[in-house]
Amino acid sequence: MDAADVALLMEANTKEDNAMSFETTKIRGAKEMKFTSGMDWDTLRISPVSIEKPQAVEKVKVKRAGTPVPEPANDLPWDT
C-alpha cells in the first residue's frame, strides 16, 4: 500500500442543489483547499467546474405522537 498524496472529505448537499462539496484533510506539496462542484445525481457525475457552495439547510427534528423520549443518562462524565 502506498501513502496517499491527497485525502478529501466529501459533503453531499441536497439533491435539489446539484452540488457536492470537498475539503482536503491531507495534501502533500500544496495548500489546503475547500471547493464545491456541480453534481448530476442521476448519473453520479461530478463536474470539473467549481461552483458556489449552497446555503446549509437546518435539519428539523420531528417528534411523532406516542414516541417515547429517552431519559438522559446520569452516569456520563459530561452530564453534570
PDB file of N, CA and C in Angstrom:
ATOM      1  N   MET A   1       0.851  -1.186   0.000  1.00  0.00           N
ATOM      2  CA  MET A   1       0.000   0.000   0.000  1.00  0.00           C
ATOM      3  C   MET A   1       0.891   1.241   0.000  1.00  0.00           C
ATOM      4  N   ASP A   2       0.490   2.217  -0.771  1.00  0.00           N
ATOM      5  CA  ASP A   2       1.218   3.475  -0.840  1.00  0.00           C
ATOM      6  C   ASP A   2       0.512   4.534   0.000  1.00  0.00           C
ATOM      7  N   ALA A   3       1.290   5.484   0.474  1.00  0.00           N
ATOM      8  CA  ALA A   3       0.718   6.594   1.231  1.00  0.00           C
ATOM      9  C   ALA A   3      -0.045   7.512   0.276  1.00  0.00           C
ATOM     10  N   ALA A   4      -1.132   8.082   0.767  1.00  0.00           N
ATOM     11  CA  ALA A   4      -1.948   8.971  -0.064  1.00  0.00           C
ATOM     12  C   ALA A   4      -1.305  10.350  -0.170  1.00  0.00           C
ATOM     13  N   ASP A   5      -1.372  10.939  -1.354  1.00  0.00           N
ATOM     14  CA  ASP A   5      -0.898  12.308  -1.553  1.00  0.00           C
ATOM     15  C   ASP A   5      -1.999  13.317  -1.249  1.00  0.00           C
ATOM     16  N   VAL A   6      -3.259  12.904  -1.428  1.00  0.00           N
ATOM     17  CA  VAL A   6      -4.400  13.777  -1.167  1.00  0.00           C
ATOM     18  C   VAL A   6      -5.499  12.963  -0.502  1.00  0.00           C
ATOM     19  N   ALA A   7      -6.083  13.511   0.553  1.00  0.00           N
ATOM     20  CA  ALA A   7      -7.255  12.902   1.195  1.00  0.00           C
ATOM     21  C   ALA A   7      -8.325  13.988   1.293  1.00  0.00           C
ATOM     22  N   LEU A   8      -9.549  13.641   0.895  1.00  0.00           N
ATOM     23  CA  LEU A   8     -10.649  14.604   0.871  1.00  0.00           C
ATOM     24  C   LEU A   8     -11.834  14.117   1.691  1.00  0.00           C
ATOM     25  N   LEU A   9     -12.538  15.054   2.325  1.00  0.00           N
ATOM     26  CA  LEU A   9     -13.838  14.786   2.931  1.00  0.00           C
ATOM     27  C   LEU A   9     -14.878  15.243   1.927  1.00  0.00           C
ATOM     28  N   MET A  10     -15.917  14.437   1.727  1.00  0.00           N
ATOM     29  CA  MET A  10     -16.992  14.806   0.808  1.00  0.00           C
ATOM     30  C   MET A  10     -18.234  15.144   1.615  1.00  0.00           C
ATOM     31  N   GLU A  11     -18.903  16.214   1.223  1.00  0.00           N
ATOM     32  CA  GLU A  11     -20.146  16.628   1.878  1.00  0.00           C
ATOM     33  C   GLU A  11     -21.229  16.721   0.808  1.00  0.00           C
ATOM     34  N   ALA A  12     -22.217  15.871   0.897  1.00  0.00           N
ATOM     35  CA  ALA A  12     -23.314  15.908  -0.066  1.00  0.00           C
ATOM     36  C   ALA A  12     -24.301  16.991   0.341  1.00  0.00           C
ATOM     37  N   ASN A  13     -24.664  17.806  -0.602  1.00  0.00           N
ATOM     38  CA  ASN A  13     -25.689  18.816  -0.384  1.00  0.00           C
ATOM     39  C   ASN A  13     -27.028  18.196  -0.780  1.00  0.00           C
ATOM     40  N   THR A  14     -28.092  18.938  -0.689  1.00  0.00           N
ATOM     41  CA  THR A  14     -29.388  18.381  -1.062  1.00  0.00           C
ATOM     42  C   THR A  14     -29.415  18.062  -2.547  1.00  0.00           C
ATOM     43  N   LYS A  15     -30.272  17.145  -2.929  1.00  0.00           N
ATOM     44  CA  LYS A  15     -30.364  16.742  -4.331  1.00  0.00           C
ATOM     45  C   LYS A  15     -30.774  17.931  -5.204  1.00  0.00           C
ATOM     46  N   GLU A  16     -31.596  18.808  -4.686  1.00  0.00           N
ATOM     47  CA  GLU A  16     -32.037  19.979  -5.439  1.00  0.00           C
ATOM     48  C   GLU A  16     -30.891  20.953  -5.715  1.00  0.00           C
ATOM     49  N   ASP A  17     -29.858  20.966  -4.848  1.00  0.00           N
ATOM     50  CA  ASP A  17     -28.711  21.871  -5.044  1.00  0.00           C
ATOM     51  C   ASP A  17     -27.803  21.417  -6.172  1.00  0.00           C
ATOM     52  N   ASN A  18     -27.854  20.112  -6.514  1.00  0.00           N
ATOM     53  CA  ASN A  18     -26.984  19.558  -7.557  1.00  0.00           C
ATOM     54  C   ASN A  18     -25.526  19.934  -7.313  1.00  0.00           C
ATOM     55  N   ALA A  19     -25.045  19.681  -6.089  1.00  0.00           N
ATOM     56  CA  ALA A  19     -23.688  20.047  -5.729  1.00  0.00           C
ATOM     57  C   ALA A  19     -23.089  19.039  -4.752  1.00  0.00           C
ATOM     58  N   MET A  20     -21.763  18.930  -4.780  1.00  0.00           N
ATOM     59  CA  MET A  20     -21.001  18.103  -3.850  1.00  0.00           C
ATOM     60  C   MET A  20     -19.818  18.959  -3.390  1.00  0.00           C
ATOM     61  N   SER A  21     -19.622  19.065  -2.078  1.00  0.00           N
ATOM     62  CA  SER A  21     -18.543  19.883  -1.531  1.00  0.00           C
ATOM     63  C   SER A  21     -17.399  18.992  -1.059  1.00  0.00           C
ATOM     64  N   PHE A  22     -16.180  19.486  -1.190  1.00  0.00           N
ATOM     65  CA  PHE A  22     -14.979  18.753  -0.823  1.00  0.00           C
ATOM     66  C   PHE A  22     -14.086  19.620   0.053  1.00  0.00           C
ATOM     67  N   GLU A  23     -13.351  18.969   0.960  1.00  0.00           N
ATOM     68  CA  GLU A  23     -12.374  19.657   1.818  1.00  0.00           C
ATOM     69  C   GLU A  23     -11.185  18.727   2.002  1.00  0.00           C
ATOM     70  N   THR A  24      -9.983  19.256   1.816  1.00  0.00           N
ATOM     71  CA  THR A  24      -8.800  18.415   1.995  1.00  0.00           C
ATOM     72  C   THR A  24      -8.529  18.214   3.473  1.00  0.00           C
ATOM     73  N   THR A  25      -8.181  16.986   3.838  1.00  0.00           N
ATOM     74  CA  THR A  25      -7.732  16.689   5.200  1.00  0.00           C
ATOM     75  C   THR A  25      -6.232  16.426   5.185  1.00  0.00           C
ATOM     76  N   LYS A  26      -5.712  16.083   4.008  1.00  0.00           N
ATOM     77  CA  LYS A  26      -4.278  15.887   3.822  1.00  0.00           C
ATOM     78  C   LYS A  26      -3.970  16.194   2.368  1.00  0.00           C
ATOM     79  N   ILE A  27      -2.928  16.979   2.155  1.00  0.00           N
ATOM     80  CA  ILE A  27      -2.487  17.241   0.789  1.00  0.00           C
ATOM     81  C   ILE A  27      -0.982  17.455   0.818  1.00  0.00           C
ATOM     82  N   ARG A  28      -0.284  16.691   0.022  1.00  0.00           N
ATOM     83  CA  ARG A  28       1.169  16.727   0.003  1.00  0.00           C
ATOM     84  C   ARG A  28       1.640  17.724  -1.059  1.00  0.00           C
ATOM     85  N   GLY A  29       2.435  18.703  -0.654  1.00  0.00           N
ATOM     86  CA  GLY A  29       3.040  19.633  -1.594  1.00  0.00           C
ATOM     87  C   GLY A  29       2.124  20.742  -2.075  1.00  0.00           C
ATOM     88  N   ALA A  30       1.014  20.993  -1.411  1.00  0.00           N
ATOM     89  CA  ALA A  30       0.114  22.079  -1.800  1.00  0.00           C
ATOM     90  C   ALA A  30      -0.633  22.570  -0.559  1.00  0.00           C
ATOM     91  N   LYS A  31      -1.322  23.711  -0.709  1.00  0.00           N
ATOM     92  CA  LYS A  31      -2.071  24.252   0.431  1.00  0.00           C
ATOM     93  C   LYS A  31      -3.441  23.578   0.546  1.00  0.00           C
ATOM     94  N   GLU A  32      -4.005  23.601   1.751  1.00  0.00           N
ATOM     95  CA  GLU A  32      -5.332  23.021   1.985  1.00  0.00           C
ATOM     96  C   GLU A  32      -6.361  23.791   1.178  1.00  0.00           C
ATOM     97  N   MET A  33      -7.436  23.098   0.783  1.00  0.00           N
ATOM     98  CA  MET A  33      -8.462  23.768  -0.015  1.00  0.00           C
ATOM     99  C   MET A  33      -9.845  23.204   0.264  1.00  0.00           C
ATOM    100  N   LYS A  34     -10.840  24.021  -0.036  1.00  0.00           N
ATOM    101  CA  LYS A  34     -12.251  23.645   0.018  1.00  0.00           C
ATOM    102  C   LYS A  34     -12.853  24.075  -1.311  1.00  0.00           C
ATOM    103  N   PHE A  35     -13.689  23.222  -1.885  1.00  0.00           N
ATOM    104  CA  PHE A  35     -14.355  23.593  -3.125  1.00  0.00           C
ATOM    105  C   PHE A  35     -15.648  22.807  -3.282  1.00  0.00           C
ATOM    106  N   THR A  36     -16.514  23.307  -4.133  1.00  0.00           N
ATOM    107  CA  THR A  36     -17.795  22.678  -4.419  1.00  0.00           C
ATOM    108  C   THR A  36     -17.910  22.503  -5.925  1.00  0.00           C
ATOM    109  N   SER A  37     -18.348  21.334  -6.342  1.00  0.00           N
ATOM    110  CA  SER A  37     -18.523  21.036  -7.765  1.00  0.00           C
ATOM    111  C   SER A  37     -19.982  20.715  -8.041  1.00  0.00           C
ATOM    112  N   GLY A  38     -20.364  20.928  -9.286  1.00  0.00           N
ATOM    113  CA  GLY A  38     -21.700  20.542  -9.710  1.00  0.00           C
ATOM    114  C   GLY A  38     -21.821  19.032  -9.700  1.00  0.00           C
ATOM    115  N   MET A  39     -23.020  18.515  -9.431  1.00  0.00           N
ATOM    116  CA  MET A  39     -23.228  17.073  -9.312  1.00  0.00           C
ATOM    117  C   MET A  39     -24.505  16.689 -10.040  1.00  0.00           C
ATOM    118  N   ASP A  40     -24.413  15.678 -10.909  1.00  0.00           N
ATOM    119  CA  ASP A  40     -25.593  15.119 -11.566  1.00  0.00           C
ATOM    120  C   ASP A  40     -25.939  13.842 -10.815  1.00  0.00           C
ATOM    121  N   TRP A  41     -26.974  13.885  -9.979  1.00  0.00           N
ATOM    122  CA  TRP A  41     -27.312  12.755  -9.116  1.00  0.00           C
ATOM    123  C   TRP A  41     -27.876  11.572  -9.890  1.00  0.00           C
ATOM    124  N   ASP A  42     -28.402  11.804 -11.084  1.00  0.00           N
ATOM    125  CA  ASP A  42     -28.933  10.689 -11.876  1.00  0.00           C
ATOM    126  C   ASP A  42     -27.818   9.815 -12.446  1.00  0.00           C
ATOM    127  N   THR A  43     -26.705  10.440 -12.861  1.00  0.00           N
ATOM    128  CA  THR A  43     -25.590   9.688 -13.434  1.00  0.00           C
ATOM    129  C   THR A  43     -24.413   9.570 -12.475  1.00  0.00           C
ATOM    130  N   LEU A  44     -24.462  10.299 -11.354  1.00  0.00           N
ATOM    131  CA  LEU A  44     -23.379  10.367 -10.355  1.00  0.00           C
ATOM    132  C   LEU A  44     -22.099  10.956 -10.931  1.00  0.00           C
ATOM    133  N   ARG A  45     -22.228  11.834 -11.908  1.00  0.00           N
ATOM    134  CA  ARG A  45     -21.070  12.517 -12.485  1.00  0.00           C
ATOM    135  C   ARG A  45     -20.837  13.826 -11.744  1.00  0.00           C
ATOM    136  N   ILE A  46     -19.565  14.068 -11.415  1.00  0.00           N
ATOM    137  CA  ILE A  46     -19.157  15.292 -10.732  1.00  0.00           C
ATOM    138  C   ILE A  46     -18.515  16.205 -11.765  1.00  0.00           C
ATOM    139  N   SER A  47     -18.965  17.443 -11.814  1.00  0.00           N
ATOM    140  CA  SER A  47     -18.459  18.409 -12.781  1.00  0.00           C
ATOM    141  C   SER A  47     -17.036  18.838 -12.410  1.00  0.00           C
ATOM    142  N   PRO A  48     -16.170  19.059 -13.398  1.00  0.00           N
ATOM    143  CA  PRO A  48     -14.826  19.557 -13.107  1.00  0.00           C
ATOM    144  C   PRO A  48     -14.803  21.059 -12.822  1.00  0.00           C
ATOM    145  N   VAL A  49     -15.955  21.711 -12.930  1.00  0.00           N
ATOM    146  CA  VAL A  49     -16.045  23.157 -12.734  1.00  0.00           C
ATOM    147  C   VAL A  49     -16.530  23.449 -11.315  1.00  0.00           C
ATOM    148  N   SER A  50     -15.810  24.328 -10.603  1.00  0.00           N
ATOM    149  CA  SER A  50     -16.218  24.720  -9.248  1.00  0.00           C
ATOM    150  C   SER A  50     -17.413  25.651  -9.315  1.00  0.00           C
ATOM    151  N   ILE A  51     -18.298  25.525  -8.319  1.00  0.00           N
ATOM    152  CA  ILE A  51     -19.457  26.402  -8.194  1.00  0.00           C
ATOM    153  C   ILE A  51     -19.506  26.926  -6.774  1.00  0.00           C
ATOM    154  N   GLU A  52     -20.385  27.893  -6.512  1.00  0.00           N
ATOM    155  CA  GLU A  52     -20.541  28.425  -5.164  1.00  0.00           C
ATOM    156  C   GLU A  52     -21.286  27.415  -4.296  1.00  0.00           C
ATOM    157  N   LYS A  53     -20.836  27.258  -3.045  1.00  0.00           N
ATOM    158  CA  LYS A  53     -21.449  26.294  -2.134  1.00  0.00           C
ATOM    159  C   LYS A  53     -22.848  26.753  -1.753  1.00  0.00           C
ATOM    160  N   PRO A  54     -23.848  25.861  -1.854  1.00  0.00           N
ATOM    161  CA  PRO A  54     -25.218  26.214  -1.460  1.00  0.00           C
ATOM    162  C   PRO A  54     -25.300  26.496   0.037  1.00  0.00           C
ATOM    163  N   GLN A  55     -26.294  27.274   0.419  1.00  0.00           N
ATOM    164  CA  GLN A  55     -26.522  27.571   1.833  1.00  0.00           C
ATOM    165  C   GLN A  55     -26.932  26.304   2.561  1.00  0.00           C
ATOM    166  N   ALA A  56     -26.421  26.129   3.773  1.00  0.00           N
ATOM    167  CA  ALA A  56     -26.769  24.963   4.583  1.00  0.00           C
ATOM    168  C   ALA A  56     -28.219  25.086   5.046  1.00  0.00           C
ATOM    169  N   VAL A  57     -28.915  23.976   5.013  1.00  0.00           N
ATOM    170  CA  VAL A  57     -30.303  23.937   5.464  1.00  0.00           C
ATOM    171  C   VAL A  57     -30.326  23.296   6.836  1.00  0.00           C
ATOM    172  N   GLU A  58     -30.961  23.961   7.787  1.00  0.00           N
ATOM    173  CA  GLU A  58     -31.039  23.425   9.148  1.00  0.00           C
ATOM    174  C   GLU A  58     -32.008  22.254   9.170  1.00  0.00           C
ATOM    175  N   LYS A  59     -31.559  21.143   9.735  1.00  0.00           N
ATOM    176  CA  LYS A  59     -32.416  19.972   9.841  1.00  0.00           C
ATOM    177  C   LYS A  59     -33.372  20.144  11.011  1.00  0.00           C
ATOM    178  N   VAL A  60     -34.608  19.778  10.776  1.00  0.00           N
ATOM    179  CA  VAL A  60     -35.645  19.906  11.803  1.00  0.00           C
ATOM    180  C   VAL A  60     -36.006  18.515  12.290  1.00  0.00           C
ATOM    181  N   LYS A  61     -35.961  18.311  13.608  1.00  0.00           N
ATOM    182  CA  LYS A  61     -36.354  17.030  14.184  1.00  0.00           C
ATOM    183  C   LYS A  61     -37.860  17.042  14.410  1.00  0.00           C
ATOM    184  N   VAL A  62     -38.495  15.960  14.005  1.00  0.00           N
ATOM    185  CA  VAL A  62     -39.942  15.844  14.162  1.00  0.00           C
ATOM    186  C   VAL A  62     -40.216  14.777  15.209  1.00  0.00           C
ATOM    187  N   LYS A  63     -40.982  15.147  16.224  1.00  0.00           N
ATOM    188  CA  LYS A  63     -41.372  14.185  17.251  1.00  0.00           C
ATOM    189  C   LYS A  63     -42.771  13.707  16.929  1.00  0.00           C
ATOM    190  N   ARG A  64     -42.904  12.421  16.803  1.00  0.00           N
ATOM    191  CA  ARG A  64     -44.206  11.840  16.494  1.00  0.00           C
ATOM    192  C   ARG A  64     -44.954  11.551  17.790  1.00  0.00           C
ATOM    193  N   ALA A  65     -46.258  11.701  17.737  1.00  0.00           N
ATOM    194  CA  ALA A  65     -47.099  11.446  18.910  1.00  0.00           C
ATOM    195  C   ALA A  65     -46.948  10.000  19.344  1.00  0.00           C
ATOM    196  N   GLY A  66     -46.784   9.787  20.632  1.00  0.00           N
ATOM    197  CA  GLY A  66     -46.675   8.437  21.171  1.00  0.00           C
ATOM    198  C   GLY A  66     -45.261   7.886  21.161  1.00  0.00           C
ATOM    199  N   THR A  67     -44.299   8.639  20.615  1.00  0.00           N
ATOM    200  CA  THR A  67     -42.919   8.177  20.594  1.00  0.00           C
ATOM    201  C   THR A  67     -42.283   8.498  21.943  1.00  0.00           C
ATOM    202  N   PRO A  68     -41.762   7.490  22.642  1.00  0.00           N
ATOM    203  CA  PRO A  68     -41.154   7.765  23.945  1.00  0.00           C
ATOM    204  C   PRO A  68     -39.842   8.545  23.783  1.00  0.00           C
ATOM    205  N   VAL A  69     -39.604   9.464  24.689  1.00  0.00           N
ATOM    206  CA  VAL A  69     -38.372  10.246  24.694  1.00  0.00           C
ATOM    207  C   VAL A  69     -37.432   9.601  25.692  1.00  0.00           C
ATOM    208  N   PRO A  70     -36.213   9.193  25.276  1.00  0.00           N
ATOM    209  CA  PRO A  70     -35.298   8.538  26.211  1.00  0.00           C
ATOM    210  C   PRO A  70     -34.832   9.498  27.301  1.00  0.00           C
ATOM    211  N   GLU A  71     -34.706   8.963  28.493  1.00  0.00           N
ATOM    212  CA  GLU A  71     -34.208   9.747  29.621  1.00  0.00           C
ATOM    213  C   GLU A  71     -32.693   9.916  29.477  1.00  0.00           C
ATOM    214  N   PRO A  72     -32.145  11.078  29.854  1.00  0.00           N
ATOM    215  CA  PRO A  72     -30.696  11.256  29.764  1.00  0.00           C
ATOM    216  C   PRO A  72     -29.972  10.367  30.770  1.00  0.00           C
ATOM    217  N   ALA A  73     -28.818   9.867  30.343  1.00  0.00           N
ATOM    218  CA  ALA A  73     -28.017   9.025  31.234  1.00  0.00           C
ATOM    219  C   ALA A  73     -27.301   9.929  32.243  1.00  0.00           C
ATOM    220  N   ASN A  74     -27.423   9.603  33.525  1.00  0.00           N
ATOM    221  CA  ASN A  74     -26.807  10.428  34.558  1.00  0.00           C
ATOM    222  C   ASN A  74     -25.360  10.033  34.857  1.00  0.00           C
ATOM    223  N   ASP A  75     -24.902   8.912  34.304  1.00  0.00           N
ATOM    224  CA  ASP A  75     -23.565   8.448  34.629  1.00  0.00           C
ATOM    225  C   ASP A  75     -22.512   8.900  33.607  1.00  0.00           C
ATOM    226  N   LEU A  76     -22.884   9.739  32.665  1.00  0.00           N
ATOM    227  CA  LEU A  76     -21.931  10.225  31.682  1.00  0.00           C
ATOM    228  C   LEU A  76     -21.109  11.369  32.258  1.00  0.00           C
ATOM    229  N   PRO A  77     -19.797  11.418  31.995  1.00  0.00           N
ATOM    230  CA  PRO A  77     -18.951  12.438  32.628  1.00  0.00           C
ATOM    231  C   PRO A  77     -19.303  13.867  32.218  1.00  0.00           C
ATOM    232  N   TRP A  78     -19.849  14.088  31.018  1.00  0.00           N
ATOM    233  CA  TRP A  78     -20.174  15.440  30.598  1.00  0.00           C
ATOM    234  C   TRP A  78     -21.598  15.825  30.970  1.00  0.00           C
ATOM    235  N   ASP A  79     -22.323  14.956  31.608  1.00  0.00           N
ATOM    236  CA  ASP A  79     -23.697  15.213  32.011  1.00  0.00           C
ATOM    237  C   ASP A  79     -23.738  15.654  33.467  1.00  0.00           C
ATOM    238  N   THR A  80     -23.119  16.764  33.788  1.00  0.00           N
ATOM    239  CA  THR A  80     -23.077  17.224  35.188  1.00  0.00           C
ATOM    240  C   THR A  80     -23.953  18.419  35.397  1.00  0.00           C
TER     241      THR A  80
END
